[in-house]
Amino acid sequence: MIKALLCKLNILNEWHVEHTDDGSLYKRCLRCGKDDDRGGGGTGTFGAWAGPAGG
């Protein structure tokens, strides 16, 4: 219950990499379904995994 509350407050999300129809990558929370609004492509540890152009 606490994890769900923290997730809704955007404090502790459980991000998962998803693919769009055109092959782009983005992150979506497994608990609440919220998309990551920080930009994704090339920032943080996700950017290191996805590459400099996010693809």
PDB file of N, CA and C in Angstrom:
ATOM      1  N   MET A   1       0.818  -1.189   0.000  1.00  0.00           N
ATOM      2  CA  MET A   1       0.000   0.000   0.000  1.00  0.00           C
ATOM      3  C   MET A   1       0.868   1.262   0.000  1.00  0.00           C
ATOM      4  N   ILE A   2       1.963   1.246   0.754  1.00  0.00           N
ATOM      5  CA  ILE A   2       2.848   2.407   0.793  1.00  0.00           C
ATOM      6  C   ILE A   2       3.524   2.596  -0.559  1.00  0.00           C
ATOM      7  N   LYS A   3       3.936   1.497  -1.206  1.00  0.00           N
ATOM      8  CA  LYS A   3       4.569   1.601  -2.524  1.00  0.00           C
ATOM      9  C   LYS A   3       3.603   2.201  -3.537  1.00  0.00           C
ATOM     10  N   ALA A   4       2.330   1.818  -3.472  1.00  0.00           N
ATOM     11  CA  ALA A   4       1.337   2.359  -4.399  1.00  0.00           C
ATOM     12  C   ALA A   4       1.165   3.864  -4.182  1.00  0.00           C
ATOM     13  N   LEU A   5       1.168   4.303  -2.932  1.00  0.00           N
ATOM     14  CA  LEU A   5       1.037   5.726  -2.630  1.00  0.00           C
ATOM     15  C   LEU A   5       2.263   6.486  -3.130  1.00  0.00           C
ATOM     16  N   LEU A   6       3.454   5.968  -2.870  1.00  0.00           N
ATOM     17  CA  LEU A   6       4.667   6.623  -3.333  1.00  0.00           C
ATOM     18  C   LEU A   6       4.710   6.679  -4.856  1.00  0.00           C
ATOM     19  N   CYS A   7       4.201   5.655  -5.502  1.00  0.00           N
ATOM     20  CA  CYS A   7       4.142   5.611  -6.955  1.00  0.00           C
ATOM     21  C   CYS A   7       3.227   6.719  -7.470  1.00  0.00           C
ATOM     22  N   LYS A   8       2.067   6.868  -6.869  1.00  0.00           N
ATOM     23  CA  LYS A   8       1.128   7.908  -7.301  1.00  0.00           C
ATOM     24  C   LYS A   8       1.671   9.310  -7.057  1.00  0.00           C
ATOM     25  N   LEU A   9       2.524   9.461  -6.040  1.00  0.00           N
ATOM     26  CA  LEU A   9       3.156  10.746  -5.754  1.00  0.00           C
ATOM     27  C   LEU A   9       4.415  10.962  -6.590  1.00  0.00           C
ATOM     28  N   ASN A  10       4.719  10.015  -7.471  1.00  0.00           N
ATOM     29  CA  ASN A  10       5.873  10.051  -8.369  1.00  0.00           C
ATOM     30  C   ASN A  10       7.190  10.067  -7.599  1.00  0.00           C
ATOM     31  N   ILE A  11       7.230   9.347  -6.490  1.00  0.00           N
ATOM     32  CA  ILE A  11       8.427   9.245  -5.673  1.00  0.00           C
ATOM     33  C   ILE A  11       9.131   7.913  -5.916  1.00  0.00           C
ATOM     34  N   LEU A  12       8.381   6.842  -6.034  1.00  0.00           N
ATOM     35  CA  LEU A  12       8.978   5.513  -6.198  1.00  0.00           C
ATOM     36  C   LEU A  12       8.212   4.751  -7.272  1.00  0.00           C
ATOM     37  N   ASN A  13       8.589   5.000  -8.531  1.00  0.00           N
ATOM     38  CA  ASN A  13       7.972   4.266  -9.621  1.00  0.00           C
ATOM     39  C   ASN A  13       8.826   3.063  -9.978  1.00  0.00           C
ATOM     40  N   GLU A  14       8.205   2.061 -10.578  1.00  0.00           N
ATOM     41  CA  GLU A  14       8.920   0.874 -11.043  1.00  0.00           C
ATOM     42  C   GLU A  14       8.934   0.917 -12.565  1.00  0.00           C
ATOM     43  N   TRP A  15       9.982   1.586 -13.130  1.00  0.00           N
ATOM     44  CA  TRP A  15      10.046   1.839 -14.555  1.00  0.00           C
ATOM     45  C   TRP A  15      10.396   0.582 -15.342  1.00  0.00           C
ATOM     46  N   HIS A  16       9.762   0.448 -16.499  1.00  0.00           N
ATOM     47  CA  HIS A  16       9.984  -0.670 -17.412  1.00  0.00           C
ATOM     48  C   HIS A  16      10.086  -0.092 -18.816  1.00  0.00           C
ATOM     49  N   VAL A  17      11.021  -0.582 -19.614  1.00  0.00           N
ATOM     50  CA  VAL A  17      11.219  -0.087 -20.978  1.00  0.00           C
ATOM     51  C   VAL A  17      10.135  -0.661 -21.880  1.00  0.00           C
ATOM     52  N   GLU A  18       9.485   0.216 -22.633  1.00  0.00           N
ATOM     53  CA  GLU A  18       8.443  -0.164 -23.592  1.00  0.00           C
ATOM     54  C   GLU A  18       8.855   0.320 -24.981  1.00  0.00           C
ATOM     55  N   HIS A  19       8.230  -0.221 -26.011  1.00  0.00           N
ATOM     56  CA  HIS A  19       8.505   0.157 -27.395  1.00  0.00           C
ATOM     57  C   HIS A  19       7.241   0.720 -28.032  1.00  0.00           C
ATOM     58  N   THR A  20       7.393   1.795 -28.813  1.00  0.00           N
ATOM     59  CA  THR A  20       6.270   2.320 -29.578  1.00  0.00           C
ATOM     60  C   THR A  20       6.165   1.553 -30.891  1.00  0.00           C
ATOM     61  N   ASP A  21       5.142   1.844 -31.681  1.00  0.00           N
ATOM     62  CA  ASP A  21       4.952   1.168 -32.963  1.00  0.00           C
ATOM     63  C   ASP A  21       6.087   1.451 -33.940  1.00  0.00           C
ATOM     64  N   ASP A  22       6.690   2.647 -33.842  1.00  0.00           N
ATOM     65  CA  ASP A  22       7.781   2.980 -34.756  1.00  0.00           C
ATOM     66  C   ASP A  22       9.151   2.549 -34.236  1.00  0.00           C
ATOM     67  N   GLY A  23       9.202   1.855 -33.091  1.00  0.00           N
ATOM     68  CA  GLY A  23      10.450   1.318 -32.563  1.00  0.00           C
ATOM     69  C   GLY A  23      11.147   2.175 -31.532  1.00  0.00           C
ATOM     70  N   SER A  24      10.603   3.349 -31.226  1.00  0.00           N
ATOM     71  CA  SER A  24      11.200   4.208 -30.201  1.00  0.00           C
ATOM     72  C   SER A  24      11.023   3.581 -28.825  1.00  0.00           C
ATOM     73  N   LEU A  25      11.885   3.977 -27.909  1.00  0.00           N
ATOM     74  CA  LEU A  25      11.825   3.464 -26.544  1.00  0.00           C
ATOM     75  C   LEU A  25      11.305   4.528 -25.586  1.00  0.00           C
ATOM     76  N   TYR A  26      10.587   4.105 -24.580  1.00  0.00           N
ATOM     77  CA  TYR A  26      10.158   4.990 -23.506  1.00  0.00           C
ATOM     78  C   TYR A  26       9.980   4.152 -22.255  1.00  0.00           C
ATOM     79  N   LYS A  27       9.819   4.814 -21.115  1.00  0.00           N
ATOM     80  CA  LYS A  27       9.656   4.106 -19.851  1.00  0.00           C
ATOM     81  C   LYS A  27       8.233   4.277 -19.344  1.00  0.00           C
ATOM     82  N   ARG A  28       7.672   3.196 -18.820  1.00  0.00           N
ATOM     83  CA  ARG A  28       6.326   3.205 -18.245  1.00  0.00           C
ATOM     84  C   ARG A  28       6.385   2.495 -16.899  1.00  0.00           C
ATOM     85  N   CYS A  29       5.658   3.017 -15.917  1.00  0.00           N
ATOM     86  CA  CYS A  29       5.630   2.417 -14.594  1.00  0.00           C
ATOM     87  C   CYS A  29       4.768   1.156 -14.618  1.00  0.00           C
ATOM     88  N   LEU A  30       5.294   0.079 -14.047  1.00  0.00           N
ATOM     89  CA  LEU A  30       4.545  -1.177 -14.013  1.00  0.00           C
ATOM     90  C   LEU A  30       3.363  -1.120 -13.050  1.00  0.00           C
ATOM     91  N   ARG A  31       3.447  -0.287 -12.003  1.00  0.00           N
ATOM     92  CA  ARG A  31       2.371  -0.220 -11.022  1.00  0.00           C
ATOM     93  C   ARG A  31       1.211   0.663 -11.455  1.00  0.00           C
ATOM     94  N   CYS A  32       1.512   1.900 -11.881  1.00  0.00           N
ATOM     95  CA  CYS A  32       0.427   2.855 -12.147  1.00  0.00           C
ATOM     96  C   CYS A  32       0.211   3.133 -13.629  1.00  0.00           C
ATOM     97  N   GLY A  33       1.132   2.712 -14.506  1.00  0.00           N
ATOM     98  CA  GLY A  33       0.973   2.921 -15.940  1.00  0.00           C
ATOM     99  C   GLY A  33       1.406   4.291 -16.419  1.00  0.00           C
ATOM    100  N   LYS A  34       2.007   5.112 -15.544  1.00  0.00           N
ATOM    101  CA  LYS A  34       2.434   6.453 -15.895  1.00  0.00           C
ATOM    102  C   LYS A  34       3.665   6.388 -16.785  1.00  0.00           C
ATOM    103  N   ASP A  35       3.709   7.256 -17.821  1.00  0.00           N
ATOM    104  CA  ASP A  35       4.885   7.358 -18.673  1.00  0.00           C
ATOM    105  C   ASP A  35       5.892   8.288 -18.029  1.00  0.00           C
ATOM    106  N   ASP A  36       7.188   8.012 -18.261  1.00  0.00           N
ATOM    107  CA  ASP A  36       8.241   8.859 -17.713  1.00  0.00           C
ATOM    108  C   ASP A  36       8.238  10.180 -18.466  1.00  0.00           C
ATOM    109  N   ASP A  37       8.128  11.303 -17.751  1.00  0.00           N
ATOM    110  CA  ASP A  37       8.050  12.613 -18.372  1.00  0.00           C
ATOM    111  C   ASP A  37       9.372  13.370 -18.329  1.00  0.00           C
ATOM    112  N   ARG A  38      10.456  12.680 -17.986  1.00  0.00           N
ATOM    113  CA  ARG A  38      11.752  13.347 -17.898  1.00  0.00           C
ATOM    114  C   ARG A  38      12.472  13.405 -19.230  1.00  0.00           C
ATOM    115  N   GLY A  39      11.916  12.942 -20.291  1.00  0.00           N
ATOM    116  CA  GLY A  39      12.547  13.040 -21.603  1.00  0.00           C
ATOM    117  C   GLY A  39      13.179  11.760 -22.095  1.00  0.00           C
ATOM    118  N   GLY A  40      13.783  10.976 -21.222  1.00  0.00           N
ATOM    119  CA  GLY A  40      14.314   9.679 -21.600  1.00  0.00           C
ATOM    120  C   GLY A  40      15.532   9.689 -22.497  1.00  0.00           C
ATOM    121  N   GLY A  41      15.423  10.061 -23.761  1.00  0.00           N
ATOM    122  CA  GLY A  41      16.459   9.860 -24.752  1.00  0.00           C
ATOM    123  C   GLY A  41      17.824  10.438 -24.422  1.00  0.00           C
ATOM    124  N   GLY A  42      18.695   9.652 -23.822  1.00  0.00           N
ATOM    125  CA  GLY A  42      20.057  10.055 -23.574  1.00  0.00           C
ATOM    126  C   GLY A  42      20.332  10.603 -22.191  1.00  0.00           C
ATOM    127  N   THR A  43      19.423  10.470 -21.247  1.00  0.00           N
ATOM    128  CA  THR A  43      19.651  11.006 -19.906  1.00  0.00           C
ATOM    129  C   THR A  43      19.674   9.886 -18.889  1.00  0.00           C
ATOM    130  N   GLY A  44      20.533  10.012 -17.903  1.00  0.00           N
ATOM    131  CA  GLY A  44      20.564   9.057 -16.795  1.00  0.00           C
ATOM    132  C   GLY A  44      21.002   7.666 -17.213  1.00  0.00           C
ATOM    133  N   THR A  45      20.716   6.671 -16.378  1.00  0.00           N
ATOM    134  CA  THR A  45      21.130   5.300 -16.656  1.00  0.00           C
ATOM    135  C   THR A  45      20.336   4.712 -17.808  1.00  0.00           C
ATOM    136  N   PHE A  46      19.087   5.135 -17.969  1.00  0.00           N
ATOM    137  CA  PHE A  46      18.291   4.651 -19.089  1.00  0.00           C
ATOM    138  C   PHE A  46      18.904   5.113 -20.407  1.00  0.00           C
ATOM    139  N   GLY A  47      19.378   6.357 -20.455  1.00  0.00           N
ATOM    140  CA  GLY A  47      20.005   6.869 -21.661  1.00  0.00           C
ATOM    141  C   GLY A  47      21.261   6.113 -22.016  1.00  0.00           C
ATOM    142  N   ALA A  48      22.007   5.693 -21.016  1.00  0.00           N
ATOM    143  CA  ALA A  48      23.210   4.906 -21.262  1.00  0.00           C
ATOM    144  C   ALA A  48      22.848   3.558 -21.860  1.00  0.00           C
ATOM    145  N   TRP A  49      21.732   2.996 -21.449  1.00  0.00           N
ATOM    146  CA  TRP A  49      21.294   1.709 -21.972  1.00  0.00           C
ATOM    147  C   TRP A  49      20.744   1.868 -23.386  1.00  0.00           C
ATOM    148  N   ALA A  50      19.982   2.925 -23.620  1.00  0.00           N
ATOM    149  CA  ALA A  50      19.297   3.097 -24.903  1.00  0.00           C
ATOM    150  C   ALA A  50      20.206   3.716 -25.965  1.00  0.00           C
ATOM    151  N   GLY A  51      21.314   4.306 -25.568  1.00  0.00           N
ATOM    152  CA  GLY A  51      22.201   4.948 -26.534  1.00  0.00           C
ATOM    153  C   GLY A  51      21.999   6.447 -26.537  1.00  0.00           C
ATOM    154  N   PRO A  52      22.886   7.188 -27.172  1.00  0.00           N
ATOM    155  CA  PRO A  52      22.825   8.648 -27.135  1.00  0.00           C
ATOM    156  C   PRO A  52      21.594   9.242 -27.810  1.00  0.00           C
ATOM    157  N   ALA A  53      21.053   8.597 -28.817  1.00  0.00           N
ATOM    158  CA  ALA A  53      19.880   9.139 -29.497  1.00  0.00           C
ATOM    159  C   ALA A  53      18.595   8.472 -29.008  1.00  0.00           C
ATOM    160  N   GLY A  54      18.656   7.670 -27.969  1.00  0.00           N
ATOM    161  CA  GLY A  54      17.470   6.997 -27.461  1.00  0.00           C
ATOM    162  C   GLY A  54      17.058   5.816 -28.326  1.00  0.00           C
ATOM    163  N   GLY A  55      17.860   5.352 -29.220  1.00  0.00           N
ATOM    164  CA  GLY A  55      17.450   4.259 -30.084  1.00  0.00           C
ATOM    165  C   GLY A  55      18.551   3.448 -30.482  1.00  0.00           C
TER     166      GLY A  55
END
